[in-house]
Each structure stands twice: as C-alpha cells, then as structure tokens.
PDB file of N, CA and C in Angstrom:
ATOM      1  N   MET A   1     -31.442 -12.325 -46.649  1.00  0.00           N
ATOM      2  CA  MET A   1     -31.808 -11.550 -44.614  1.00  0.00           C
ATOM      3  C   MET A   1     -31.005 -11.967 -43.419  1.00  0.00           C
ATOM      4  N   LYS A   2     -31.957 -13.383 -43.160  1.00  0.00           N
ATOM      5  CA  LYS A   2     -31.433 -14.066 -42.064  1.00  0.00           C
ATOM      6  C   LYS A   2     -30.190 -14.253 -42.537  1.00  0.00           C
ATOM      7  N   ASN A   3     -29.629 -14.664 -43.548  1.00  0.00           N
ATOM      8  CA  ASN A   3     -28.435 -14.983 -42.941  1.00  0.00           C
ATOM      9  C   ASN A   3     -27.617 -13.899 -42.269  1.00  0.00           C
ATOM     10  N   ASN A   4     -27.758 -12.529 -42.630  1.00  0.00           N
ATOM     11  CA  ASN A   4     -27.437 -11.859 -41.873  1.00  0.00           C
ATOM     12  C   ASN A   4     -27.191 -11.029 -40.981  1.00  0.00           C
ATOM     13  N   LYS A   5     -28.559 -11.884 -39.626  1.00  0.00           N
ATOM     14  CA  LYS A   5     -28.855 -11.839 -38.532  1.00  0.00           C
ATOM     15  C   LYS A   5     -28.027 -12.175 -37.872  1.00  0.00           C
ATOM     16  N   ASP A   6     -28.204 -13.647 -38.624  1.00  0.00           N
ATOM     17  CA  ASP A   6     -27.130 -14.726 -38.474  1.00  0.00           C
ATOM     18  C   ASP A   6     -25.805 -13.912 -37.703  1.00  0.00           C
ATOM     19  N   THR A   7     -25.330 -14.331 -38.854  1.00  0.00           N
ATOM     20  CA  THR A   7     -23.410 -13.550 -38.711  1.00  0.00           C
ATOM     21  C   THR A   7     -23.519 -12.411 -37.852  1.00  0.00           C
ATOM     22  N   ILE A   8     -24.207 -11.608 -38.048  1.00  0.00           N
ATOM     23  CA  ILE A   8     -23.635 -10.406 -36.656  1.00  0.00           C
ATOM     24  C   ILE A   8     -24.492 -11.218 -35.548  1.00  0.00           C
ATOM     25  N   ARG A   9     -25.012 -12.098 -34.937  1.00  0.00           N
ATOM     26  CA  ARG A   9     -25.994 -12.688 -33.792  1.00  0.00           C
ATOM     27  C   ARG A   9     -24.324 -13.964 -33.261  1.00  0.00           C
ATOM     28  N   VAL A  10     -23.371 -14.439 -34.223  1.00  0.00           N
ATOM     29  CA  VAL A  10     -22.622 -14.964 -33.725  1.00  0.00           C
ATOM     30  C   VAL A  10     -21.190 -14.227 -33.340  1.00  0.00           C
ATOM     31  N   ILE A  11     -20.598 -12.971 -33.973  1.00  0.00           N
ATOM     32  CA  ILE A  11     -20.403 -12.403 -33.919  1.00  0.00           C
ATOM     33  C   ILE A  11     -20.167 -11.417 -32.912  1.00  0.00           C
ATOM     34  N   ALA A  12     -21.382 -11.353 -32.186  1.00  0.00           N
ATOM     35  CA  ALA A  12     -21.887 -10.449 -31.139  1.00  0.00           C
ATOM     36  C   ALA A  12     -22.010 -11.669 -29.522  1.00  0.00           C
ATOM     37  N   MET A  13     -22.059 -12.633 -29.718  1.00  0.00           N
ATOM     38  CA  MET A  13     -22.001 -13.844 -29.062  1.00  0.00           C
ATOM     39  C   MET A  13     -20.433 -14.124 -29.226  1.00  0.00           C
ATOM     40  N   VAL A  14     -19.525 -14.227 -29.588  1.00  0.00           N
ATOM     41  CA  VAL A  14     -17.503 -14.053 -30.576  1.00  0.00           C
ATOM     42  C   VAL A  14     -16.911 -12.687 -29.341  1.00  0.00           C
ATOM     43  N   LEU A  15     -18.019 -11.712 -29.297  1.00  0.00           N
ATOM     44  CA  LEU A  15     -17.580 -10.390 -28.584  1.00  0.00           C
ATOM     45  C   LEU A  15     -17.508 -10.520 -27.426  1.00  0.00           C
ATOM     46  N   LEU A  16     -18.345 -11.243 -26.543  1.00  0.00           N
ATOM     47  CA  LEU A  16     -19.213 -12.032 -25.903  1.00  0.00           C
ATOM     48  C   LEU A  16     -18.031 -12.355 -25.404  1.00  0.00           C
ATOM     49  N   VAL A  17     -17.798 -13.573 -25.542  1.00  0.00           N
ATOM     50  CA  VAL A  17     -17.052 -14.303 -24.383  1.00  0.00           C
ATOM     51  C   VAL A  17     -15.337 -13.667 -25.309  1.00  0.00           C
ATOM     52  N   LEU A  18     -15.215 -13.252 -25.334  1.00  0.00           N
ATOM     53  CA  LEU A  18     -13.826 -12.977 -25.237  1.00  0.00           C
ATOM     54  C   LEU A  18     -13.773 -11.598 -24.487  1.00  0.00           C
ATOM     55  N   VAL A  19     -14.674 -10.688 -24.119  1.00  0.00           N
ATOM     56  CA  VAL A  19     -14.795  -9.394 -23.331  1.00  0.00           C
ATOM     57  C   VAL A  19     -14.857 -10.215 -22.008  1.00  0.00           C
ATOM     58  N   LEU A  20     -15.421 -11.424 -21.854  1.00  0.00           N
ATOM     59  CA  LEU A  20     -15.819 -12.218 -20.174  1.00  0.00           C
ATOM     60  C   LEU A  20     -14.593 -12.146 -20.362  1.00  0.00           C
ATOM     61  N   LEU A  21     -13.545 -12.837 -21.219  1.00  0.00           N
ATOM     62  CA  LEU A  21     -12.281 -14.151 -21.207  1.00  0.00           C
ATOM     63  C   LEU A  21     -11.403 -12.609 -20.159  1.00  0.00           C
ATOM     64  N   ILE A  22     -11.373 -11.642 -21.065  1.00  0.00           N
ATOM     65  CA  ILE A  22     -10.855 -10.406 -20.746  1.00  0.00           C
ATOM     66  C   ILE A  22     -10.713  -9.971 -19.864  1.00  0.00           C
ATOM     67  N   MET A  23     -12.427  -9.663 -19.649  1.00  0.00           N
ATOM     68  CA  MET A  23     -12.336  -9.713 -17.754  1.00  0.00           C
ATOM     69  C   MET A  23     -12.120 -10.195 -16.746  1.00  0.00           C
ATOM     70  N   ALA A  24     -12.493 -11.850 -17.213  1.00  0.00           N
ATOM     71  CA  ALA A  24     -11.935 -12.784 -16.294  1.00  0.00           C
ATOM     72  C   ALA A  24     -10.824 -12.650 -15.680  1.00  0.00           C
ATOM     73  N   ILE A  25      -9.579 -12.157 -17.071  1.00  0.00           N
ATOM     74  CA  ILE A  25      -8.079 -12.390 -17.002  1.00  0.00           C
ATOM     75  C   ILE A  25      -7.406 -11.340 -15.354  1.00  0.00           C
ATOM     76  N   MET A  26      -8.276 -10.216 -16.064  1.00  0.00           N
ATOM     77  CA  MET A  26      -8.320  -8.648 -15.812  1.00  0.00           C
ATOM     78  C   MET A  26      -8.528  -9.282 -13.860  1.00  0.00           C
ATOM     79  N   PHE A  27      -9.828  -9.635 -13.323  1.00  0.00           N
ATOM     80  CA  PHE A  27      -9.843  -9.161 -11.684  1.00  0.00           C
ATOM     81  C   PHE A  27      -9.856 -11.323 -11.553  1.00  0.00           C
ATOM     82  N   THR A  28      -8.696 -11.492 -11.878  1.00  0.00           N
ATOM     83  CA  THR A  28      -7.986 -13.229 -11.222  1.00  0.00           C
ATOM     84  C   THR A  28      -6.744 -11.856 -11.277  1.00  0.00           C
ATOM     85  N   GLY A  29      -6.702 -11.357  -9.368  1.00  0.00           N
ATOM     86  CA  GLY A  29      -5.414 -10.736  -9.203  1.00  0.00           C
ATOM     87  C   GLY A  29      -4.662 -11.762  -8.542  1.00  0.00           C
ATOM     88  N   CYS A  30      -3.010 -12.261  -8.710  1.00  0.00           N
ATOM     89  CA  CYS A  30      -2.688 -12.249  -7.890  1.00  0.00           C
ATOM     90  C   CYS A  30      -2.134 -11.302  -6.844  1.00  0.00           C
ATOM     91  N   ALA A  31      -2.103 -12.256  -5.534  1.00  0.00           N
ATOM     92  CA  ALA A  31      -2.559 -10.985  -4.786  1.00  0.00           C
ATOM     93  C   ALA A  31      -0.616 -11.056  -3.896  1.00  0.00           C
ATOM     94  N   PRO A  32       0.303  -9.487  -3.971  1.00  0.00           N
ATOM     95  CA  PRO A  32       1.574 -10.144  -3.801  1.00  0.00           C
ATOM     96  C   PRO A  32       1.891 -10.422  -2.314  1.00  0.00           C
ATOM     97  N   GLU A  33       3.202 -11.369  -2.555  1.00  0.00           N
ATOM     98  CA  GLU A  33       3.141 -11.972  -1.039  1.00  0.00           C
ATOM     99  C   GLU A  33       5.381 -11.375  -0.623  1.00  0.00           C
ATOM    100  N   ALA A  34       5.040 -10.485  -0.242  1.00  0.00           N
ATOM    101  CA  ALA A  34       5.887  -9.526   0.870  1.00  0.00           C
ATOM    102  C   ALA A  34       7.090 -10.476   1.136  1.00  0.00           C
ATOM    103  N   SER A  35       7.821 -10.384   1.343  1.00  0.00           N
ATOM    104  CA  SER A  35       9.374 -10.613   2.501  1.00  0.00           C
ATOM    105  C   SER A  35      10.473  -9.735   2.602  1.00  0.00           C
ATOM    106  N   ALA A  36      10.688 -10.166   4.356  1.00  0.00           N
ATOM    107  CA  ALA A  36      11.595  -9.596   4.479  1.00  0.00           C
ATOM    108  C   ALA A  36      12.655 -10.028   4.493  1.00  0.00           C
ATOM    109  N   ALA A  37      13.319  -9.598   4.634  1.00  0.00           N
ATOM    110  CA  ALA A  37      15.293 -10.251   4.817  1.00  0.00           C
ATOM    111  C   ALA A  37      16.177 -10.664   6.145  1.00  0.00           C
ATOM    112  N   GLY A  38      15.395  -9.828   6.792  1.00  0.00           N
ATOM    113  CA  GLY A  38      15.760  -8.801   8.347  1.00  0.00           C
ATOM    114  C   GLY A  38      16.485  -7.985   8.778  1.00  0.00           C
ATOM    115  N   ASP A  39      16.415  -7.319   7.787  1.00  0.00           N
ATOM    116  CA  ASP A  39      16.897  -6.292   8.056  1.00  0.00           C
ATOM    117  C   ASP A  39      15.453  -4.950   8.091  1.00  0.00           C
ATOM    118  N   GLU A  40      14.771  -4.866   8.721  1.00  0.00           N
ATOM    119  CA  GLU A  40      12.567  -4.785   9.343  1.00  0.00           C
ATOM    120  C   GLU A  40      12.630  -5.182  11.099  1.00  0.00           C
ATOM    121  N   TRP A  41      12.033  -4.236  11.440  1.00  0.00           N
ATOM    122  CA  TRP A  41      12.259  -3.942  12.384  1.00  0.00           C
ATOM    123  C   TRP A  41      10.273  -4.106  13.184  1.00  0.00           C
ATOM    124  N   ALA A  42      10.071  -5.494  14.168  1.00  0.00           N
ATOM    125  CA  ALA A  42       9.523  -5.437  13.336  1.00  0.00           C
ATOM    126  C   ALA A  42       8.343  -5.455  15.217  1.00  0.00           C
ATOM    127  N   ILE A  43       6.765  -4.820  15.230  1.00  0.00           N
ATOM    128  CA  ILE A  43       5.787  -4.733  16.347  1.00  0.00           C
ATOM    129  C   ILE A  43       4.659  -5.866  15.912  1.00  0.00           C
ATOM    130  N   ILE A  44       4.545  -6.954  16.711  1.00  0.00           N
ATOM    131  CA  ILE A  44       3.008  -7.510  16.763  1.00  0.00           C
ATOM    132  C   ILE A  44       2.345  -7.614  18.404  1.00  0.00           C
ATOM    133  N   ARG A  45       1.184  -6.829  18.476  1.00  0.00           N
ATOM    134  CA  ARG A  45       0.250  -7.108  19.515  1.00  0.00           C
ATOM    135  C   ARG A  45      -0.581  -7.851  19.471  1.00  0.00           C
ATOM    136  N   MET A  46      -0.299  -9.068  20.628  1.00  0.00           N
ATOM    137  CA  MET A  46      -0.579 -10.704  20.420  1.00  0.00           C
ATOM    138  C   MET A  46      -2.058 -10.600  20.834  1.00  0.00           C
ATOM    139  N   PRO A  47      -3.165 -10.950  20.860  1.00  0.00           N
ATOM    140  CA  PRO A  47      -4.803 -10.789  21.532  1.00  0.00           C
ATOM    141  C   PRO A  47      -4.972 -10.543  22.590  1.00  0.00           C
ATOM    142  N   ASN A  48      -3.584 -11.057  23.407  1.00  0.00           N
ATOM    143  CA  ASN A  48      -4.032 -10.545  25.194  1.00  0.00           C
ATOM    144  C   ASN A  48      -3.265  -9.515  25.638  1.00  0.00           C
ATOM    145  N   GLY A  49      -2.867  -8.954  24.729  1.00  0.00           N
ATOM    146  CA  GLY A  49      -2.553  -7.640  24.458  1.00  0.00           C
ATOM    147  C   GLY A  49      -0.701  -7.179  24.626  1.00  0.00           C
ATOM    148  N   GLU A  50      -0.220  -8.229  24.711  1.00  0.00           N
ATOM    149  CA  GLU A  50       1.153  -8.672  24.951  1.00  0.00           C
ATOM    150  C   GLU A  50       2.057  -8.195  23.713  1.00  0.00           C
ATOM    151  N   ILE A  51       3.092  -7.434  24.063  1.00  0.00           N
ATOM    152  CA  ILE A  51       3.657  -6.797  22.405  1.00  0.00           C
ATOM    153  C   ILE A  51       4.436  -7.689  22.501  1.00  0.00           C
ATOM    154  N   VAL A  52       5.132  -7.793  21.055  1.00  0.00           N
ATOM    155  CA  VAL A  52       6.103  -8.169  21.326  1.00  0.00           C
ATOM    156  C   VAL A  52       7.251  -7.697  19.790  1.00  0.00           C
ATOM    157  N   GLU A  53       8.467  -7.783  20.078  1.00  0.00           N
ATOM    158  CA  GLU A  53       8.966  -6.503  19.168  1.00  0.00           C
ATOM    159  C   GLU A  53      10.652  -6.748  19.031  1.00  0.00           C
ATOM    160  N   GLY A  54      10.983  -7.110  18.097  1.00  0.00           N
ATOM    161  CA  GLY A  54      12.873  -7.572  17.385  1.00  0.00           C
ATOM    162  C   GLY A  54      12.925  -7.355  16.481  1.00  0.00           C
ATOM    163  N   ARG A  55      13.943  -8.166  15.225  1.00  0.00           N
ATOM    164  CA  ARG A  55      14.313  -7.683  13.927  1.00  0.00           C
ATOM    165  C   ARG A  55      13.972  -8.999  13.858  1.00  0.00           C
ATOM    166  N   ALA A  56      13.053  -9.040  12.269  1.00  0.00           N
ATOM    167  CA  ALA A  56      12.142 -10.005  12.041  1.00  0.00           C
ATOM    168  C   ALA A  56      12.695 -10.013  11.270  1.00  0.00           C
ATOM    169  N   THR A  57      13.801 -11.816  11.435  1.00  0.00           N
ATOM    170  CA  THR A  57      14.413 -12.414  10.905  1.00  0.00           C
ATOM    171  C   THR A  57      13.927 -13.191   9.201  1.00  0.00           C
ATOM    172  N   ASN A  58      12.840 -13.546   9.626  1.00  0.00           N
ATOM    173  CA  ASN A  58      11.334 -14.399   7.974  1.00  0.00           C
ATOM    174  C   ASN A  58      10.277 -13.230   8.420  1.00  0.00           C
ATOM    175  N   ALA A  59      10.112 -13.006   7.505  1.00  0.00           N
ATOM    176  CA  ALA A  59       7.970 -12.868   7.281  1.00  0.00           C
ATOM    177  C   ALA A  59       7.496 -12.885   6.272  1.00  0.00           C
ATOM    178  N   TYR A  60       6.176 -13.199   5.778  1.00  0.00           N
ATOM    179  CA  TYR A  60       5.782 -13.350   4.328  1.00  0.00           C
ATOM    180  C   TYR A  60       3.937 -12.513   4.742  1.00  0.00           C
ATOM    181  N   TYR A  61       3.331 -12.575   4.649  1.00  0.00           N
ATOM    182  CA  TYR A  61       2.599 -12.498   4.141  1.00  0.00           C
ATOM    183  C   TYR A  61       1.205 -12.627   2.926  1.00  0.00           C
ATOM    184  N   ASN A  62       0.448 -13.194   3.508  1.00  0.00           N
ATOM    185  CA  ASN A  62      -0.510 -13.463   1.968  1.00  0.00           C
ATOM    186  C   ASN A  62      -1.554 -13.021   1.642  1.00  0.00           C
ATOM    187  N   SER A  63      -2.290 -13.073   0.000  1.00  0.00           N
ATOM    188  CA  SER A  63      -3.614 -12.515   0.056  1.00  0.00           C
ATOM    189  C   SER A  63      -5.033 -12.888   1.016  1.00  0.00           C
ATOM    190  N   SER A  64      -4.908 -13.650   2.230  1.00  0.00           N
ATOM    191  CA  SER A  64      -5.477 -13.547   3.131  1.00  0.00           C
ATOM    192  C   SER A  64      -5.129 -12.091   4.228  1.00  0.00           C
ATOM    193  N   GLY A  65      -4.347 -11.842   4.460  1.00  0.00           N
ATOM    194  CA  GLY A  65      -3.740 -11.370   4.747  1.00  0.00           C
ATOM    195  C   GLY A  65      -3.516 -11.375   6.553  1.00  0.00           C
ATOM    196  N   VAL A  66      -2.581 -12.515   5.810  1.00  0.00           N
ATOM    197  CA  VAL A  66      -1.622 -13.424   7.163  1.00  0.00           C
ATOM    198  C   VAL A  66      -0.616 -13.705   7.365  1.00  0.00           C
ATOM    199  N   TYR A  67       0.098 -12.706   8.179  1.00  0.00           N
ATOM    200  CA  TYR A  67       1.330 -12.521   9.282  1.00  0.00           C
ATOM    201  C   TYR A  67       1.881 -13.104   9.368  1.00  0.00           C
ATOM    202  N   SER A  68       2.843 -14.381   8.343  1.00  0.00           N
ATOM    203  CA  SER A  68       4.316 -15.151   9.062  1.00  0.00           C
ATOM    204  C   SER A  68       5.364 -14.358   9.083  1.00  0.00           C
ATOM    205  N   ILE A  69       5.540 -13.864  11.215  1.00  0.00           N
ATOM    206  CA  ILE A  69       7.031 -13.669  10.961  1.00  0.00           C
ATOM    207  C   ILE A  69       8.204 -14.342  12.309  1.00  0.00           C
ATOM    208  N   THR A  70       8.439 -14.231  12.204  1.00  0.00           N
ATOM    209  CA  THR A  70       9.911 -14.631  13.203  1.00  0.00           C
ATOM    210  C   THR A  70      10.918 -13.795  13.834  1.00  0.00           C
ATOM    211  N   ILE A  71      10.605 -13.482  15.359  1.00  0.00           N
ATOM    212  CA  ILE A  71      11.205 -12.571  16.289  1.00  0.00           C
ATOM    213  C   ILE A  71      11.529 -13.670  17.123  1.00  0.00           C
ATOM    214  N   ASP A  72      13.353 -13.149  17.390  1.00  0.00           N
ATOM    215  CA  ASP A  72      14.066 -14.187  18.179  1.00  0.00           C
ATOM    216  C   ASP A  72      13.546 -15.158  18.758  1.00  0.00           C
ATOM    217  N   GLY A  73      13.396 -16.375  16.725  1.00  0.00           N
ATOM    218  CA  GLY A  73      13.608 -17.930  16.617  1.00  0.00           C
ATOM    219  C   GLY A  73      12.269 -18.715  16.818  1.00  0.00           C
ATOM    220  N   THR A  74      11.175 -17.869  17.379  1.00  0.00           N
ATOM    221  CA  THR A  74      10.147 -17.339  17.834  1.00  0.00           C
ATOM    222  C   THR A  74       8.850 -17.308  15.918  1.00  0.00           C
ATOM    223  N   THR A  75       7.909 -17.981  15.559  1.00  0.00           N
ATOM    224  CA  THR A  75       7.167 -17.356  14.421  1.00  0.00           C
ATOM    225  C   THR A  75       6.092 -17.341  14.698  1.00  0.00           C
ATOM    226  N   TYR A  76       5.718 -15.845  14.807  1.00  0.00           N
ATOM    227  CA  TYR A  76       3.927 -16.237  15.127  1.00  0.00           C
ATOM    228  C   TYR A  76       3.146 -15.357  14.015  1.00  0.00           C
ATOM    229  N   LYS A  77       2.200 -15.960  13.660  1.00  0.00           N
ATOM    230  CA  LYS A  77       1.114 -15.945  13.220  1.00  0.00           C
ATOM    231  C   LYS A  77       0.135 -15.017  13.112  1.00  0.00           C
ATOM    232  N   THR A  78      -0.631 -14.235  11.976  1.00  0.00           N
ATOM    233  CA  THR A  78      -0.949 -13.597  13.222  1.00  0.00           C
ATOM    234  C   THR A  78      -1.540 -12.109  12.197  1.00  0.00           C
ATOM    235  N   HIS A  79      -3.041 -12.051  11.546  1.00  0.00           N
ATOM    236  CA  HIS A  79      -3.442 -10.780  10.934  1.00  0.00           C
ATOM    237  C   HIS A  79      -2.816  -9.772  11.414  1.00  0.00           C
ATOM    238  N   MET A  80      -2.473  -9.450   9.562  1.00  0.00           N
ATOM    239  CA  MET A  80      -1.166  -7.757   9.521  1.00  0.00           C
ATOM    240  C   MET A  80      -2.152  -6.878  10.280  1.00  0.00           C
ATOM    241  N   ALA A  81      -3.093  -6.576  10.709  1.00  0.00           N
ATOM    242  CA  ALA A  81      -3.120  -5.895  11.506  1.00  0.00           C
ATOM    243  C   ALA A  81      -2.961  -4.870  12.841  1.00  0.00           C
ATOM    244  N   ASN A  82      -2.333  -6.418  13.301  1.00  0.00           N
ATOM    245  CA  ASN A  82      -1.820  -6.675  14.714  1.00  0.00           C
ATOM    246  C   ASN A  82      -0.060  -6.351  14.788  1.00  0.00           C
ATOM    247  N   VAL A  83       0.276  -6.328  13.151  1.00  0.00           N
ATOM    248  CA  VAL A  83       1.713  -6.124  12.671  1.00  0.00           C
ATOM    249  C   VAL A  83       1.844  -4.373  12.164  1.00  0.00           C
ATOM    250  N   VAL A  84       3.669  -4.300  13.068  1.00  0.00           N
ATOM    251  CA  VAL A  84       3.623  -2.719  12.551  1.00  0.00           C
ATOM    252  C   VAL A  84       5.487  -3.421  11.752  1.00  0.00           C
ATOM    253  N   VAL A  85       6.117  -3.134  10.354  1.00  0.00           N
ATOM    254  CA  VAL A  85       7.433  -3.132  10.416  1.00  0.00           C
ATOM    255  C   VAL A  85       7.957  -2.343   9.948  1.00  0.00           C
ATOM    256  N   ILE A  86       9.039  -1.770  10.583  1.00  0.00           N
ATOM    257  CA  ILE A  86      10.231  -0.863  10.296  1.00  0.00           C
ATOM    258  C   ILE A  86      10.828  -0.908   9.121  1.00  0.00           C
ATOM    259  N   SER A  87      11.525  -0.044   8.160  1.00  0.00           N
ATOM    260  CA  SER A  87      12.098  -1.054   7.967  1.00  0.00           C
ATOM    261  C   SER A  87      13.194   0.349   7.455  1.00  0.00           C
ATOM    262  N   GLY A  88      14.574  -0.153   7.292  1.00  0.00           N
ATOM    263  CA  GLY A  88      15.463   0.628   7.495  1.00  0.00           C
ATOM    264  C   GLY A  88      16.659  -0.247   8.773  1.00  0.00           C
ATOM    265  N   ASP A  89      17.533   0.945   8.839  1.00  0.00           N
ATOM    266  CA  ASP A  89      18.205   1.679   9.818  1.00  0.00           C
ATOM    267  C   ASP A  89      17.278   1.312  11.747  1.00  0.00           C
ATOM    268  N   ASN A  90      17.624   0.855  12.130  1.00  0.00           N
ATOM    269  CA  ASN A  90      17.020   0.834  13.736  1.00  0.00           C
ATOM    270  C   ASN A  90      17.762   0.465  14.531  1.00  0.00           C
TER     271      ASN A  90
END
C-alpha cells in the first residue's frame, strides 16, 4: 500500500512541475517592438509643453513603454503616452 502512495506522490509532483513550467512559459511573454518605416506622421508632446510633429523616419517602442522616434533628423525618447502616430496618407 505504501508503494502506491509513493507512486501517486511522484506522479503528482511531476504533474505539478509540468504545470508550473507551462505557466512560466505562458506568462513570460515577449513584448512587441513596433517600428515605423517613414510612412507615419508623429506628434510628440514634450515635457515643457512644446509640440513636435513631422514625418517619422525611424520609430520604435519597447516593452517598458519607451518610444524612440526620429523626426527631421532629431531622435526623441519619451513615454508612449506622449506620442501620437498616424499611419496612412498624410
């Protein structure tokens, strides 16, 4: 009888480890990094209240919400809450 209990315990532990491993893989997501190829119009609100806008020649954001965007040769780094990007014919 003890042998059966030990077998059930081992199976339960293996299943628990497998479930935890699957959950770790599922919850470890890679945040997308988006980029712009120059066909977007960007509007950036600066900390001093100034608004910068123009055609985005290079833009990307990372998982921490930092947006790096180049307008007229100047690269701005700010939080994505301060950026509006408009795609299409502008």
